[in-house]
Amino acid sequence: MKATHKDGDPGMGAHHDDHHHDQHSDHDGDRHDAPDGHGRALRLGIGGPVGSGKTALVAALCRSLGPSMRLGVVTNDIYTTEDADFLRRAGVLDPERILAVQTGCCPHTAIRDDIAANLDAVETLEERFGPLDLVIVESGGDNLTATFSRGLADSQIFVLDVSGGDKVPRKGGPGVTTADLLVVNKTDLAPLVGADLAVMARDAGAVRDGRSVLFTSIREDGGAHRVAEWVSDLVHAWHHRNGHAHTHDHAYDHAHDHAEGQGPDRRPRMTSSSRPRPGGSTPKELR
């Protein structure tokens, strides 16, 4: 069944590859109820500013989790299908499992206020390829206030990068403070931009009230392995709670040292992913 608003109205400009919707916005809070999770995929939202590495993270998760999970991806761009096209060219997933939403508006509108086009894309993937274990919804680049509606995403990752300076985490904003996981990317650039990672870790811990934080360089770790471990644990817990049989390979959980990483229910530990990608580093455009 395709997505509609609680009041039954379709939206206004956002559409994905197969569907078109009208778009309007309501900034008075989340208008959407969380859907029943029984028997369906976990829906994971990934947001963050332009250029922080969201698409790179999606690609890394597809590389790491694709061999053991049934995945689908929805990307968001305002006027193009740029991110979806890039992921398809990169070959990280079957191209048919990647759908693009053209929002025609500010990115947060399509992930929080009028989620119809994104929800249609998610449900299209589940109808075509289900049962799926995980559907990743990547937001278009936005500011520190961007959050996903509970009607679209069951869990959220917010991606920052160090090039904005070490002051960014303490600026807060709902994206930084409330996401289930905060990822600070491009740690390899810290010496070049004068960013103090210890300061960022301290400030992120202070504003996030114990929620998980991970530091990484996707350029140096093309599989974002610690983030992938966190997501793997999340997917396993989701399907255990909701009675959904899935293909998750538990051997993946034990292939990496959990003492160095963290699961979705553990208190955050500031760590930096630096495992090399087999066969070389991630291309610069995927950082």
C-alpha atoms as a PDB file:
ATOM      1  CA  MET A   1       0.000   0.000   0.000  1.00  0.00           C
ATOM      2  CA  LYS A   2       1.410   3.387  -0.978  1.00  0.00           C
ATOM      3  CA  ALA A   3       2.030   6.254   1.397  1.00  0.00           C
ATOM      4  CA  THR A   4      -0.515   8.958   2.237  1.00  0.00           C
ATOM      5  CA  HIS A   5      -0.610  11.708   4.816  1.00  0.00           C
ATOM      6  CA  LYS A   6      -2.575  11.274   8.003  1.00  0.00           C
ATOM      7  CA  ASP A   7      -5.168  13.641   6.582  1.00  0.00           C
ATOM      8  CA  GLY A   8      -5.268  11.678   3.309  1.00  0.00           C
ATOM      9  CA  ASP A   9      -3.788  14.453   1.164  1.00  0.00           C
ATOM     10  CA  PRO A  10      -0.916  13.721  -1.161  1.00  0.00           C
ATOM     11  CA  GLY A  11       2.051  16.024  -1.080  1.00  0.00           C
ATOM     12  CA  MET A  12       3.315  18.473  -3.921  1.00  0.00           C
ATOM     13  CA  GLY A  13       6.736  18.224  -5.821  1.00  0.00           C
ATOM     14  CA  ALA A  14       8.811  15.394  -4.459  1.00  0.00           C
ATOM     15  CA  HIS A  15       8.814  12.277  -6.590  1.00  0.00           C
ATOM     16  CA  HIS A  16      10.931   9.197  -7.095  1.00  0.00           C
ATOM     17  CA  ASP A  17      11.726   7.248 -10.223  1.00  0.00           C
ATOM     18  CA  ASP A  18       8.286   5.664 -10.470  1.00  0.00           C
ATOM     19  CA  HIS A  19       5.893   8.032  -8.685  1.00  0.00           C
ATOM     20  CA  HIS A  20       5.003  11.712  -8.353  1.00  0.00           C
ATOM     21  CA  HIS A  21       3.605  13.589  -5.360  1.00  0.00           C
ATOM     22  CA  ASP A  22       2.582  17.123  -4.456  1.00  0.00           C
ATOM     23  CA  GLN A  23       4.512  18.939  -1.744  1.00  0.00           C
ATOM     24  CA  HIS A  24       3.616  21.123   1.200  1.00  0.00           C
ATOM     25  CA  SER A  25       5.219  21.461   4.594  1.00  0.00           C
ATOM     26  CA  ASP A  26       4.181  21.617   8.196  1.00  0.00           C
ATOM     27  CA  HIS A  27       6.907  22.686  10.628  1.00  0.00           C
ATOM     28  CA  ASP A  28       4.883  22.132  13.796  1.00  0.00           C
ATOM     29  CA  GLY A  29       6.487  18.784  14.574  1.00  0.00           C
ATOM     30  CA  ASP A  30       6.300  15.237  13.335  1.00  0.00           C
ATOM     31  CA  ARG A  31       2.878  14.693  11.766  1.00  0.00           C
ATOM     32  CA  HIS A  32       3.407  11.006  11.121  1.00  0.00           C
ATOM     33  CA  ASP A  33       3.007   7.966  13.328  1.00  0.00           C
ATOM     34  CA  ALA A  34       5.605   5.203  13.360  1.00  0.00           C
ATOM     35  CA  PRO A  35       4.321   2.314  11.213  1.00  0.00           C
ATOM     36  CA  ASP A  36       4.043  -1.214  12.529  1.00  0.00           C
ATOM     37  CA  GLY A  37       7.445  -2.870  12.271  1.00  0.00           C
ATOM     38  CA  HIS A  38       6.243  -6.461  12.282  1.00  0.00           C
ATOM     39  CA  GLY A  39       7.599  -8.498   9.381  1.00  0.00           C
ATOM     40  CA  ARG A  40       9.259  -5.630   7.504  1.00  0.00           C
ATOM     41  CA  ALA A  41      12.729  -4.205   6.957  1.00  0.00           C
ATOM     42  CA  LEU A  42      14.403  -1.789   9.324  1.00  0.00           C
ATOM     43  CA  ARG A  43      14.339   1.692   7.756  1.00  0.00           C
ATOM     44  CA  LEU A  44      17.517   3.629   8.497  1.00  0.00           C
ATOM     45  CA  GLY A  45      17.739   7.359   7.761  1.00  0.00           C
ATOM     46  CA  ILE A  46      21.116   8.945   7.041  1.00  0.00           C
ATOM     47  CA  GLY A  47      21.280  12.749   7.163  1.00  0.00           C
ATOM     48  CA  GLY A  48      23.843  15.510   7.468  1.00  0.00           C
ATOM     49  CA  PRO A  49      25.247  18.613   5.761  1.00  0.00           C
ATOM     50  CA  VAL A  50      26.247  18.792   2.106  1.00  0.00           C
ATOM     51  CA  GLY A  51      29.601  17.117   1.517  1.00  0.00           C
ATOM     52  CA  SER A  52      29.861  15.414   4.903  1.00  0.00           C
ATOM     53  CA  GLY A  53      30.080  11.948   3.339  1.00  0.00           C
ATOM     54  CA  LYS A  54      26.526  10.602   3.448  1.00  0.00           C
ATOM     55  CA  THR A  55      26.687   8.949   0.045  1.00  0.00           C
ATOM     56  CA  ALA A  56      30.143   7.601   0.868  1.00  0.00           C
ATOM     57  CA  LEU A  57      28.724   6.068   4.027  1.00  0.00           C
ATOM     58  CA  VAL A  58      25.808   4.508   2.146  1.00  0.00           C
ATOM     59  CA  ALA A  59      28.266   2.995  -0.328  1.00  0.00           C
ATOM     60  CA  ALA A  60      30.454   1.707   2.501  1.00  0.00           C
ATOM     61  CA  LEU A  61      27.498   0.103   4.271  1.00  0.00           C
ATOM     62  CA  CYS A  62      26.409  -1.579   1.048  1.00  0.00           C
ATOM     63  CA  ARG A  63      29.921  -2.989   0.615  1.00  0.00           C
ATOM     64  CA  SER A  64      30.123  -4.257   4.182  1.00  0.00           C
ATOM     65  CA  LEU A  65      26.562  -5.475   4.714  1.00  0.00           C
ATOM     66  CA  GLY A  66      25.475  -6.417   1.192  1.00  0.00           C
ATOM     67  CA  PRO A  67      27.040  -9.894   1.246  1.00  0.00           C
ATOM     68  CA  SER A  68      25.038 -10.876   4.343  1.00  0.00           C
ATOM     69  CA  MET A  69      21.871  -8.754   4.190  1.00  0.00           C
ATOM     70  CA  ARG A  70      19.085  -8.019   1.736  1.00  0.00           C
ATOM     71  CA  LEU A  71      19.371  -4.267   1.151  1.00  0.00           C
ATOM     72  CA  GLY A  72      17.545  -1.447  -0.582  1.00  0.00           C
ATOM     73  CA  VAL A  73      18.553   2.223  -0.881  1.00  0.00           C
ATOM     74  CA  VAL A  74      16.566   5.431  -1.431  1.00  0.00           C
ATOM     75  CA  THR A  75      18.479   8.643  -2.172  1.00  0.00           C
ATOM     76  CA  ASN A  76      17.260  12.249  -2.090  1.00  0.00           C
ATOM     77  CA  ASP A  77      18.393  15.141  -4.296  1.00  0.00           C
ATOM     78  CA  ILE A  78      16.548  18.370  -4.969  1.00  0.00           C
ATOM     79  CA  TYR A  79      16.570  18.410  -8.774  1.00  0.00           C
ATOM     80  CA  THR A  80      18.708  15.463  -9.912  1.00  0.00           C
ATOM     81  CA  THR A  81      19.275  11.756  -9.296  1.00  0.00           C
ATOM     82  CA  GLU A  82      22.997  12.373  -8.738  1.00  0.00           C
ATOM     83  CA  ASP A  83      23.529  10.279  -5.618  1.00  0.00           C
ATOM     84  CA  ALA A  84      21.556   7.297  -6.902  1.00  0.00           C
ATOM     85  CA  ASP A  85      23.369   7.442 -10.237  1.00  0.00           C
ATOM     86  CA  PHE A  86      26.717   7.485  -8.462  1.00  0.00           C
ATOM     87  CA  LEU A  87      25.864   4.505  -6.272  1.00  0.00           C
ATOM     88  CA  ARG A  88      24.691   2.564  -9.317  1.00  0.00           C
ATOM     89  CA  ARG A  89      27.890   3.353 -11.228  1.00  0.00           C
ATOM     90  CA  ALA A  90      29.963   2.367  -8.197  1.00  0.00           C
ATOM     91  CA  GLY A  91      28.373  -1.090  -8.304  1.00  0.00           C
ATOM     92  CA  VAL A  92      27.824  -1.328  -4.554  1.00  0.00           C
ATOM     93  CA  LEU A  93      24.351  -2.833  -5.003  1.00  0.00           C
ATOM     94  CA  ASP A  94      22.097  -4.165  -7.745  1.00  0.00           C
ATOM     95  CA  PRO A  95      21.071  -0.932  -9.556  1.00  0.00           C
ATOM     96  CA  GLU A  96      17.404  -1.921  -9.381  1.00  0.00           C
ATOM     97  CA  ARG A  97      17.609  -1.816  -5.590  1.00  0.00           C
ATOM     98  CA  ILE A  98      18.523   1.903  -5.611  1.00  0.00           C
ATOM     99  CA  LEU A  99      15.694   4.418  -6.104  1.00  0.00           C
ATOM    100  CA  ALA A 100      16.044   8.198  -6.328  1.00  0.00           C
ATOM    101  CA  VAL A 101      13.651  10.798  -4.920  1.00  0.00           C
ATOM    102  CA  GLN A 102      13.764  14.277  -6.449  1.00  0.00           C
ATOM    103  CA  THR A 103      12.430  16.447  -3.654  1.00  0.00           C
ATOM    104  CA  GLY A 104      12.032  19.750  -5.512  1.00  0.00           C
ATOM    105  CA  CYS A 105      12.272  21.411  -2.107  1.00  0.00           C
ATOM    106  CA  CYS A 106      14.458  21.693   0.981  1.00  0.00           C
ATOM    107  CA  PRO A 107      15.711  18.196   1.852  1.00  0.00           C
ATOM    108  CA  HIS A 108      14.260  18.165   5.360  1.00  0.00           C
ATOM    109  CA  THR A 109      10.770  18.691   3.967  1.00  0.00           C
ATOM    110  CA  ALA A 110      10.809  15.346   2.166  1.00  0.00           C
ATOM    111  CA  ILE A 111      12.190  13.365   5.126  1.00  0.00           C
ATOM    112  CA  ARG A 112      10.185  14.981   7.908  1.00  0.00           C
ATOM    113  CA  ASP A 113       7.155  16.976   6.785  1.00  0.00           C
ATOM    114  CA  ASP A 114       5.883  15.392   3.572  1.00  0.00           C
ATOM    115  CA  ILE A 115       7.360  11.890   3.516  1.00  0.00           C
ATOM    116  CA  ALA A 116       4.998  10.459   0.887  1.00  0.00           C
ATOM    117  CA  ALA A 117       7.488  10.191  -1.997  1.00  0.00           C
ATOM    118  CA  ASN A 118      10.167   8.636   0.191  1.00  0.00           C
ATOM    119  CA  LEU A 119       7.726   6.240   1.786  1.00  0.00           C
ATOM    120  CA  ASP A 120       6.457   5.220  -1.649  1.00  0.00           C
ATOM    121  CA  ALA A 121      10.031   4.494  -2.737  1.00  0.00           C
ATOM    122  CA  VAL A 122      10.704   2.410   0.382  1.00  0.00           C
ATOM    123  CA  GLU A 123       7.512   0.426  -0.084  1.00  0.00           C
ATOM    124  CA  THR A 124       8.243  -0.055  -3.783  1.00  0.00           C
ATOM    125  CA  LEU A 125      11.595  -1.636  -2.918  1.00  0.00           C
ATOM    126  CA  GLU A 126       9.974  -3.887  -0.333  1.00  0.00           C
ATOM    127  CA  GLU A 127       7.270  -4.975  -2.791  1.00  0.00           C
ATOM    128  CA  ARG A 128       9.758  -5.714  -5.577  1.00  0.00           C
ATOM    129  CA  PHE A 129      12.542  -7.346  -3.601  1.00  0.00           C
ATOM    130  CA  GLY A 130      11.087  -8.241  -0.215  1.00  0.00           C
ATOM    131  CA  PRO A 131      11.500  -9.483   2.283  1.00  0.00           C
ATOM    132  CA  LEU A 132      14.379  -7.065   2.868  1.00  0.00           C
ATOM    133  CA  ASP A 133      16.502  -6.763   5.998  1.00  0.00           C
ATOM    134  CA  LEU A 134      17.421  -3.079   5.715  1.00  0.00           C
ATOM    135  CA  VAL A 135      16.350  -0.075   3.640  1.00  0.00           C
ATOM    136  CA  ILE A 136      18.652   2.943   3.834  1.00  0.00           C
ATOM    137  CA  VAL A 137      17.128   6.370   3.138  1.00  0.00           C
ATOM    138  CA  GLU A 138      19.754   9.026   2.440  1.00  0.00           C
ATOM    139  CA  SER A 139      18.616  12.620   2.854  1.00  0.00           C
ATOM    140  CA  GLY A 140      19.821  15.416   0.651  1.00  0.00           C
ATOM    141  CA  GLY A 141      22.406  17.670   2.276  1.00  0.00           C
ATOM    142  CA  ASP A 142      20.863  19.855   4.972  1.00  0.00           C
ATOM    143  CA  ASN A 143      21.702  21.765   8.138  1.00  0.00           C
ATOM    144  CA  LEU A 144      22.072  20.704  11.763  1.00  0.00           C
ATOM    145  CA  THR A 145      18.302  20.704  12.344  1.00  0.00           C
ATOM    146  CA  ALA A 146      17.539  17.923   9.858  1.00  0.00           C
ATOM    147  CA  THR A 147      15.775  14.900  11.339  1.00  0.00           C
ATOM    148  CA  PHE A 148      13.676  12.107   9.857  1.00  0.00           C
ATOM    149  CA  SER A 149      10.011  11.620  10.647  1.00  0.00           C
ATOM    150  CA  ARG A 150       9.313   8.555  12.754  1.00  0.00           C
ATOM    151  CA  GLY A 151       6.888   7.602   9.986  1.00  0.00           C
ATOM    152  CA  LEU A 152       9.799   7.186   7.560  1.00  0.00           C
ATOM    153  CA  ALA A 153      12.845   6.083   9.564  1.00  0.00           C
ATOM    154  CA  ASP A 154      13.001   3.681  12.489  1.00  0.00           C
ATOM    155  CA  SER A 155      16.523   4.827  13.354  1.00  0.00           C
ATOM    156  CA  GLN A 156      18.747   7.720  12.266  1.00  0.00           C
ATOM    157  CA  ILE A 157      22.433   8.396  11.624  1.00  0.00           C
ATOM    158  CA  PHE A 158      23.695  11.968  11.335  1.00  0.00           C
ATOM    159  CA  VAL A 159      26.991  12.557   9.518  1.00  0.00           C
ATOM    160  CA  LEU A 160      29.342  15.469  10.188  1.00  0.00           C
ATOM    161  CA  ASP A 161      32.853  15.964   8.886  1.00  0.00           C
ATOM    162  CA  VAL A 162      35.859  17.629  10.457  1.00  0.00           C
ATOM    163  CA  SER A 163      36.358  20.179   7.673  1.00  0.00           C
ATOM    164  CA  GLY A 164      33.703  22.413   9.218  1.00  0.00           C
ATOM    165  CA  GLY A 165      35.903  22.778  12.291  1.00  0.00           C
ATOM    166  CA  ASP A 166      35.904  21.230  15.734  1.00  0.00           C
ATOM    167  CA  LYS A 167      33.216  23.642  16.948  1.00  0.00           C
ATOM    168  CA  VAL A 168      30.394  21.970  14.996  1.00  0.00           C
ATOM    169  CA  PRO A 169      29.321  19.280  17.516  1.00  0.00           C
ATOM    170  CA  ARG A 170      28.859  21.793  20.337  1.00  0.00           C
ATOM    171  CA  LYS A 171      26.593  23.895  18.109  1.00  0.00           C
ATOM    172  CA  GLY A 172      24.059  21.116  18.579  1.00  0.00           C
ATOM    173  CA  GLY A 173      20.855  21.075  16.585  1.00  0.00           C
ATOM    174  CA  PRO A 174      18.373  18.180  16.525  1.00  0.00           C
ATOM    175  CA  GLY A 175      20.361  16.266  13.909  1.00  0.00           C
ATOM    176  CA  VAL A 176      23.474  16.284  16.085  1.00  0.00           C
ATOM    177  CA  THR A 177      21.812  15.802  19.452  1.00  0.00           C
ATOM    178  CA  THR A 178      18.999  13.321  18.765  1.00  0.00           C
ATOM    179  CA  ALA A 179      20.233  10.956  16.021  1.00  0.00           C
ATOM    180  CA  ASP A 180      20.743   7.408  17.253  1.00  0.00           C
ATOM    181  CA  LEU A 181      24.323   7.540  15.959  1.00  0.00           C
ATOM    182  CA  LEU A 182      26.507  10.562  15.221  1.00  0.00           C
ATOM    183  CA  VAL A 183      29.275   9.840  12.709  1.00  0.00           C
ATOM    184  CA  VAL A 184      32.169  12.297  12.451  1.00  0.00           C
ATOM    185  CA  ASN A 185      33.773  11.623   9.077  1.00  0.00           C
ATOM    186  CA  LYS A 186      37.016  12.648   7.332  1.00  0.00           C
ATOM    187  CA  THR A 187      39.192  12.362  10.412  1.00  0.00           C
ATOM    188  CA  ASP A 188      42.162  12.138   8.048  1.00  0.00           C
ATOM    189  CA  LEU A 189      41.670  15.846   7.295  1.00  0.00           C
ATOM    190  CA  ALA A 190      41.842  16.974  10.921  1.00  0.00           C
ATOM    191  CA  PRO A 191      45.550  17.960  10.850  1.00  0.00           C
ATOM    192  CA  LEU A 192      45.035  19.895   7.620  1.00  0.00           C
ATOM    193  CA  VAL A 193      42.137  22.009   8.905  1.00  0.00           C
ATOM    194  CA  GLY A 194      43.335  22.345  12.506  1.00  0.00           C
ATOM    195  CA  ALA A 195      40.426  20.366  13.972  1.00  0.00           C
ATOM    196  CA  ASP A 196      40.989  18.821  17.404  1.00  0.00           C
ATOM    197  CA  LEU A 197      39.272  15.426  17.446  1.00  0.00           C
ATOM    198  CA  ALA A 198      39.473  15.231  21.232  1.00  0.00           C
ATOM    199  CA  VAL A 199      37.510  18.472  21.459  1.00  0.00           C
ATOM    200  CA  MET A 200      34.920  17.169  19.015  1.00  0.00           C
ATOM    201  CA  ALA A 201      34.598  13.936  21.009  1.00  0.00           C
ATOM    202  CA  ARG A 202      34.196  15.831  24.276  1.00  0.00           C
ATOM    203  CA  ASP A 203      31.600  18.238  22.878  1.00  0.00           C
ATOM    204  CA  ALA A 204      29.645  15.531  21.066  1.00  0.00           C
ATOM    205  CA  GLY A 205      29.454  13.520  24.273  1.00  0.00           C
ATOM    206  CA  ALA A 206      28.258  16.573  26.176  1.00  0.00           C
ATOM    207  CA  VAL A 207      25.362  17.430  23.838  1.00  0.00           C
ATOM    208  CA  ARG A 208      24.230  13.873  23.028  1.00  0.00           C
ATOM    209  CA  ASP A 209      23.356  12.631  26.513  1.00  0.00           C
ATOM    210  CA  GLY A 210      25.025   9.249  26.115  1.00  0.00           C
ATOM    211  CA  ARG A 211      23.966   8.513  22.533  1.00  0.00           C
ATOM    212  CA  SER A 212      26.466   6.769  20.287  1.00  0.00           C
ATOM    213  CA  VAL A 213      29.279   8.610  18.506  1.00  0.00           C
ATOM    214  CA  LEU A 214      31.818   7.185  16.054  1.00  0.00           C
ATOM    215  CA  PHE A 215      34.767   8.844  14.343  1.00  0.00           C
ATOM    216  CA  THR A 216      35.823   7.533  10.930  1.00  0.00           C
ATOM    217  CA  SER A 217      37.616   8.231   7.688  1.00  0.00           C
ATOM    218  CA  ILE A 218      35.753   6.517   4.888  1.00  0.00           C
ATOM    219  CA  ARG A 219      38.636   7.355   2.585  1.00  0.00           C
ATOM    220  CA  GLU A 220      40.882   5.134   4.731  1.00  0.00           C
ATOM    221  CA  ASP A 221      38.217   2.578   5.670  1.00  0.00           C
ATOM    222  CA  GLY A 222      36.089   1.994   2.593  1.00  0.00           C
ATOM    223  CA  GLY A 223      33.774  -0.343   4.475  1.00  0.00           C
ATOM    224  CA  ALA A 224      33.185   1.986   7.458  1.00  0.00           C
ATOM    225  CA  HIS A 225      33.493  -1.182   9.526  1.00  0.00           C
ATOM    226  CA  ARG A 226      32.646   0.182  12.964  1.00  0.00           C
ATOM    227  CA  VAL A 227      29.585   1.940  11.616  1.00  0.00           C
ATOM    228  CA  ALA A 228      28.644  -1.257   9.786  1.00  0.00           C
ATOM    229  CA  GLU A 229      28.948  -3.189  13.072  1.00  0.00           C
ATOM    230  CA  TRP A 230      26.633  -0.691  14.756  1.00  0.00           C
ATOM    231  CA  VAL A 231      24.083  -1.034  11.939  1.00  0.00           C
ATOM    232  CA  SER A 232      24.434  -4.823  11.933  1.00  0.00           C
ATOM    233  CA  ASP A 233      23.603  -4.953  15.646  1.00  0.00           C
ATOM    234  CA  LEU A 234      20.689  -2.603  15.064  1.00  0.00           C
ATOM    235  CA  VAL A 235      19.234  -4.748  12.270  1.00  0.00           C
ATOM    236  CA  HIS A 236      19.605  -7.921  14.335  1.00  0.00           C
ATOM    237  CA  ALA A 237      17.837  -6.323  17.330  1.00  0.00           C
ATOM    238  CA  TRP A 238      15.075  -4.947  15.080  1.00  0.00           C
ATOM    239  CA  HIS A 239      14.244  -8.283  13.505  1.00  0.00           C
ATOM    240  CA  HIS A 240      14.455 -10.085  16.837  1.00  0.00           C
ATOM    241  CA  ARG A 241      11.853  -7.686  18.274  1.00  0.00           C
ATOM    242  CA  ASN A 242       9.582  -7.795  15.230  1.00  0.00           C
ATOM    243  CA  GLY A 243       9.669 -11.492  14.421  1.00  0.00           C
ATOM    244  CA  HIS A 244      11.098 -11.142  10.927  1.00  0.00           C
ATOM    245  CA  ALA A 245      13.311 -13.931   9.584  1.00  0.00           C
ATOM    246  CA  HIS A 246      16.293 -12.384   7.836  1.00  0.00           C
ATOM    247  CA  THR A 247      19.562 -13.366   6.210  1.00  0.00           C
ATOM    248  CA  HIS A 248      21.861 -11.545   8.592  1.00  0.00           C
ATOM    249  CA  ASP A 249      25.152 -13.407   8.882  1.00  0.00           C
ATOM    250  CA  HIS A 250      26.104 -13.442  12.552  1.00  0.00           C
ATOM    251  CA  ALA A 251      29.649 -14.328  11.551  1.00  0.00           C
ATOM    252  CA  TYR A 252      29.970 -10.675  10.497  1.00  0.00           C
ATOM    253  CA  ASP A 253      29.484  -9.558  14.087  1.00  0.00           C
ATOM    254  CA  HIS A 254      32.399 -11.668  15.237  1.00  0.00           C
ATOM    255  CA  ALA A 255      34.709 -10.806  12.359  1.00  0.00           C
ATOM    256  CA  HIS A 256      35.574  -7.511  14.074  1.00  0.00           C
ATOM    257  CA  ASP A 257      36.458  -6.771  17.661  1.00  0.00           C
ATOM    258  CA  HIS A 258      33.338  -5.505  19.429  1.00  0.00           C
ATOM    259  CA  ALA A 259      35.444  -4.128  22.235  1.00  0.00           C
ATOM    260  CA  GLU A 260      36.677  -1.485  19.783  1.00  0.00           C
ATOM    261  CA  GLY A 261      33.248  -0.642  18.408  1.00  0.00           C
ATOM    262  CA  GLN A 262      29.803  -0.198  19.857  1.00  0.00           C
ATOM    263  CA  GLY A 263      26.276  -1.460  19.430  1.00  0.00           C
ATOM    264  CA  PRO A 264      23.118   0.628  19.303  1.00  0.00           C
ATOM    265  CA  ASP A 265      22.307  -0.040  22.955  1.00  0.00           C
ATOM    266  CA  ARG A 266      25.786   0.585  24.361  1.00  0.00           C
ATOM    267  CA  ARG A 267      27.006   3.796  25.907  1.00  0.00           C
ATOM    268  CA  PRO A 268      29.078   5.682  23.312  1.00  0.00           C
ATOM    269  CA  ARG A 269      32.789   5.262  23.086  1.00  0.00           C
ATOM    270  CA  MET A 270      34.675   7.733  20.913  1.00  0.00           C
ATOM    271  CA  THR A 271      36.602   5.647  18.398  1.00  0.00           C
ATOM    272  CA  SER A 272      38.159   6.177  14.991  1.00  0.00           C
ATOM    273  CA  SER A 273      37.697   3.682  12.170  1.00  0.00           C
ATOM    274  CA  SER A 274      40.977   3.268  10.371  1.00  0.00           C
ATOM    275  CA  ARG A 275      41.014  -0.246   8.968  1.00  0.00           C
ATOM    276  CA  PRO A 276      42.303  -0.188   5.383  1.00  0.00           C
ATOM    277  CA  ARG A 277      40.021  -1.173   2.567  1.00  0.00           C
ATOM    278  CA  PRO A 278      41.181  -4.374   0.843  1.00  0.00           C
ATOM    279  CA  GLY A 279      42.728  -3.464  -2.490  1.00  0.00           C
ATOM    280  CA  GLY A 280      43.240   0.219  -1.747  1.00  0.00           C
ATOM    281  CA  SER A 281      41.556   3.302  -0.373  1.00  0.00           C
ATOM    282  CA  THR A 282      38.158   4.658  -1.332  1.00  0.00           C
ATOM    283  CA  PRO A 283      38.181   6.939  -4.401  1.00  0.00           C
ATOM    284  CA  LYS A 284      38.411  10.615  -3.470  1.00  0.00           C
ATOM    285  CA  GLU A 285      34.923  11.348  -4.820  1.00  0.00           C
ATOM    286  CA  LEU A 286      33.472   8.808  -2.373  1.00  0.00           C
ATOM    287  CA  ARG A 287      34.946  10.376   0.749  1.00  0.00           C
END
